Amino acid sequence: MDSLFQLVQAVPDWEVKLTQALNDPARIHATENRFVPLKRAVVEIMEGAAGLPAFERAIRDLKKPLR
């Protein structure tokens, strides 16, 4: 919450920038595709998987070229 409060104060047109970011195809692609390995690692860990192997897999997957 503190970070959000700081952002709102520091960036006068934050609403416009947020709307632009949410509609930016490159950002959407990165979120949906590029960060999937990290999301998968967090889900695996929350389901009881060992943290280090899950993150090592995520890091390997992040190093693969984008599709």
N, C-alpha and C. Protein backbone atom coordinates (compact mmCIF):
# COMPACT_ATOMS: atom_id res chain seq x y z
N MET A 1 0.82 -1.19 0.00
CA MET A 1 0.00 0.00 0.00
C MET A 1 0.86 1.25 0.00
N ASP A 2 1.95 1.22 0.75
CA ASP A 2 2.82 2.39 0.81
C ASP A 2 3.39 2.70 -0.57
N SER A 3 3.81 1.67 -1.30
CA SER A 3 4.36 1.88 -2.63
C SER A 3 3.31 2.48 -3.56
N LEU A 4 2.09 1.98 -3.47
CA LEU A 4 1.01 2.52 -4.30
C LEU A 4 0.75 3.98 -3.96
N PHE A 5 0.73 4.29 -2.68
CA PHE A 5 0.52 5.67 -2.23
C PHE A 5 1.63 6.58 -2.77
N GLN A 6 2.89 6.10 -2.72
CA GLN A 6 4.02 6.88 -3.23
C GLN A 6 3.86 7.11 -4.74
N LEU A 7 3.47 6.08 -5.45
CA LEU A 7 3.30 6.18 -6.90
C LEU A 7 2.23 7.19 -7.27
N VAL A 8 1.11 7.13 -6.60
CA VAL A 8 0.00 8.05 -6.89
C VAL A 8 0.43 9.50 -6.64
N GLN A 9 1.23 9.71 -5.63
CA GLN A 9 1.70 11.06 -5.34
C GLN A 9 2.78 11.53 -6.32
N ALA A 10 3.65 10.63 -6.74
CA ALA A 10 4.80 11.00 -7.55
C ALA A 10 4.48 11.11 -9.04
N VAL A 11 3.45 10.41 -9.50
CA VAL A 11 3.13 10.39 -10.93
C VAL A 11 1.75 11.01 -11.12
N PRO A 12 1.72 12.31 -11.49
CA PRO A 12 0.44 13.01 -11.57
C PRO A 12 -0.57 12.37 -12.53
N ASP A 13 -0.10 11.84 -13.65
CA ASP A 13 -1.03 11.25 -14.62
C ASP A 13 -0.99 9.72 -14.56
N TRP A 14 -0.90 9.17 -13.35
CA TRP A 14 -0.76 7.73 -13.16
C TRP A 14 -1.93 6.96 -13.75
N GLU A 15 -3.13 7.52 -13.71
CA GLU A 15 -4.30 6.80 -14.24
C GLU A 15 -4.18 6.59 -15.75
N VAL A 16 -3.73 7.62 -16.45
CA VAL A 16 -3.56 7.52 -17.90
C VAL A 16 -2.47 6.50 -18.22
N LYS A 17 -1.36 6.58 -17.50
CA LYS A 17 -0.25 5.66 -17.74
C LYS A 17 -0.63 4.23 -17.42
N LEU A 18 -1.40 4.02 -16.37
CA LEU A 18 -1.86 2.68 -16.03
C LEU A 18 -2.77 2.14 -17.12
N THR A 19 -3.68 2.96 -17.60
CA THR A 19 -4.59 2.54 -18.67
C THR A 19 -3.80 2.18 -19.93
N GLN A 20 -2.81 3.00 -20.26
CA GLN A 20 -1.98 2.71 -21.43
C GLN A 20 -1.22 1.39 -21.26
N ALA A 21 -0.68 1.18 -20.07
CA ALA A 21 0.07 -0.05 -19.82
C ALA A 21 -0.83 -1.28 -19.90
N LEU A 22 -2.04 -1.16 -19.36
CA LEU A 22 -2.96 -2.29 -19.38
C LEU A 22 -3.43 -2.63 -20.79
N ASN A 23 -3.33 -1.67 -21.70
CA ASN A 23 -3.75 -1.90 -23.08
C ASN A 23 -2.57 -2.05 -24.04
N ASP A 24 -1.37 -2.11 -23.52
CA ASP A 24 -0.17 -2.23 -24.35
C ASP A 24 0.05 -3.69 -24.74
N PRO A 25 -0.04 -4.02 -26.04
CA PRO A 25 0.11 -5.42 -26.46
C PRO A 25 1.44 -6.04 -26.05
N ALA A 26 2.52 -5.28 -26.07
CA ALA A 26 3.83 -5.82 -25.67
C ALA A 26 3.83 -6.20 -24.19
N ARG A 27 3.24 -5.35 -23.34
CA ARG A 27 3.18 -5.66 -21.92
C ARG A 27 2.28 -6.86 -21.67
N ILE A 28 1.17 -6.93 -22.38
CA ILE A 28 0.25 -8.06 -22.22
C ILE A 28 0.95 -9.35 -22.63
N HIS A 29 1.67 -9.31 -23.75
CA HIS A 29 2.40 -10.50 -24.21
C HIS A 29 3.44 -10.92 -23.18
N ALA A 30 4.18 -9.97 -22.65
CA ALA A 30 5.20 -10.29 -21.65
C ALA A 30 4.59 -10.90 -20.41
N THR A 31 3.47 -10.34 -19.97
CA THR A 31 2.83 -10.85 -18.76
C THR A 31 2.28 -12.25 -18.99
N GLU A 32 1.63 -12.44 -20.13
CA GLU A 32 0.99 -13.73 -20.40
C GLU A 32 1.98 -14.82 -20.75
N ASN A 33 3.09 -14.47 -21.40
CA ASN A 33 4.02 -15.48 -21.88
C ASN A 33 5.35 -15.50 -21.17
N ARG A 34 5.95 -14.36 -21.01
CA ARG A 34 7.32 -14.31 -20.49
C ARG A 34 7.39 -14.63 -19.00
N PHE A 35 6.38 -14.23 -18.24
CA PHE A 35 6.45 -14.44 -16.80
C PHE A 35 5.77 -15.72 -16.33
N VAL A 36 5.31 -16.53 -17.27
CA VAL A 36 4.66 -17.79 -16.93
C VAL A 36 5.57 -18.69 -16.08
N PRO A 37 6.87 -18.81 -16.39
CA PRO A 37 7.72 -19.67 -15.56
C PRO A 37 7.74 -19.26 -14.09
N LEU A 38 7.78 -17.95 -13.83
CA LEU A 38 7.78 -17.50 -12.43
C LEU A 38 6.45 -17.81 -11.76
N LYS A 39 5.36 -17.58 -12.47
CA LYS A 39 4.05 -17.88 -11.91
C LYS A 39 3.95 -19.36 -11.60
N ARG A 40 4.41 -20.20 -12.53
CA ARG A 40 4.36 -21.65 -12.33
C ARG A 40 5.18 -22.04 -11.10
N ALA A 41 6.36 -21.43 -10.93
CA ALA A 41 7.21 -21.75 -9.78
C ALA A 41 6.51 -21.39 -8.48
N VAL A 42 5.89 -20.23 -8.42
CA VAL A 42 5.19 -19.81 -7.20
C VAL A 42 4.04 -20.77 -6.89
N VAL A 43 3.28 -21.14 -7.91
CA VAL A 43 2.17 -22.08 -7.70
C VAL A 43 2.70 -23.43 -7.20
N GLU A 44 3.77 -23.92 -7.82
CA GLU A 44 4.35 -25.20 -7.39
C GLU A 44 4.80 -25.14 -5.93
N ILE A 45 5.44 -24.05 -5.56
CA ILE A 45 5.92 -23.90 -4.18
C ILE A 45 4.75 -23.83 -3.21
N MET A 46 3.70 -23.12 -3.59
CA MET A 46 2.53 -23.02 -2.72
C MET A 46 1.84 -24.38 -2.57
N GLU A 47 2.01 -25.24 -3.57
CA GLU A 47 1.43 -26.57 -3.50
C GLU A 47 2.36 -27.57 -2.81
N GLY A 48 3.52 -27.10 -2.35
CA GLY A 48 4.40 -27.96 -1.57
C GLY A 48 5.69 -28.36 -2.24
N ALA A 49 5.96 -27.91 -3.45
CA ALA A 49 7.21 -28.25 -4.12
C ALA A 49 8.37 -27.54 -3.44
N ALA A 50 9.54 -28.13 -3.55
CA ALA A 50 10.74 -27.50 -3.01
C ALA A 50 11.02 -26.21 -3.77
N GLY A 51 11.32 -25.15 -3.06
CA GLY A 51 11.47 -23.84 -3.66
C GLY A 51 12.62 -23.71 -4.64
N LEU A 52 13.80 -24.15 -4.26
CA LEU A 52 14.97 -23.95 -5.11
C LEU A 52 14.84 -24.63 -6.47
N PRO A 53 14.47 -25.92 -6.53
CA PRO A 53 14.32 -26.54 -7.85
C PRO A 53 13.25 -25.85 -8.70
N ALA A 54 12.17 -25.42 -8.09
CA ALA A 54 11.12 -24.74 -8.85
C ALA A 54 11.63 -23.44 -9.44
N PHE A 55 12.39 -22.67 -8.68
CA PHE A 55 12.92 -21.41 -9.19
C PHE A 55 14.05 -21.64 -10.19
N GLU A 56 14.83 -22.70 -10.00
CA GLU A 56 15.87 -23.01 -10.99
C GLU A 56 15.25 -23.32 -12.34
N ARG A 57 14.14 -24.09 -12.34
CA ARG A 57 13.42 -24.38 -13.58
C ARG A 57 12.89 -23.09 -14.20
N ALA A 58 12.33 -22.23 -13.37
CA ALA A 58 11.80 -20.96 -13.87
C ALA A 58 12.90 -20.12 -14.51
N ILE A 59 14.05 -20.09 -13.89
CA ILE A 59 15.17 -19.31 -14.44
C ILE A 59 15.61 -19.89 -15.78
N ARG A 60 15.70 -21.22 -15.86
CA ARG A 60 16.06 -21.85 -17.14
C ARG A 60 15.03 -21.49 -18.21
N ASP A 61 13.76 -21.56 -17.86
CA ASP A 61 12.69 -21.25 -18.82
C ASP A 61 12.72 -19.78 -19.23
N LEU A 62 13.06 -18.89 -18.31
CA LEU A 62 13.13 -17.47 -18.64
C LEU A 62 14.26 -17.17 -19.64
N LYS A 63 15.28 -17.99 -19.63
CA LYS A 63 16.41 -17.77 -20.53
C LYS A 63 16.12 -18.25 -21.95
N LYS A 64 15.03 -19.01 -22.13
CA LYS A 64 14.68 -19.49 -23.47
C LYS A 64 14.18 -18.33 -24.31
N PRO A 65 14.39 -18.39 -25.61
CA PRO A 65 13.90 -17.30 -26.47
C PRO A 65 12.38 -17.20 -26.45
N LEU A 66 11.90 -15.97 -26.67
CA LEU A 66 10.44 -15.76 -26.74
C LEU A 66 9.90 -16.42 -28.00
N ARG A 67 8.67 -16.85 -27.93
CA ARG A 67 8.02 -17.46 -29.09
C ARG A 67 7.46 -16.43 -29.99
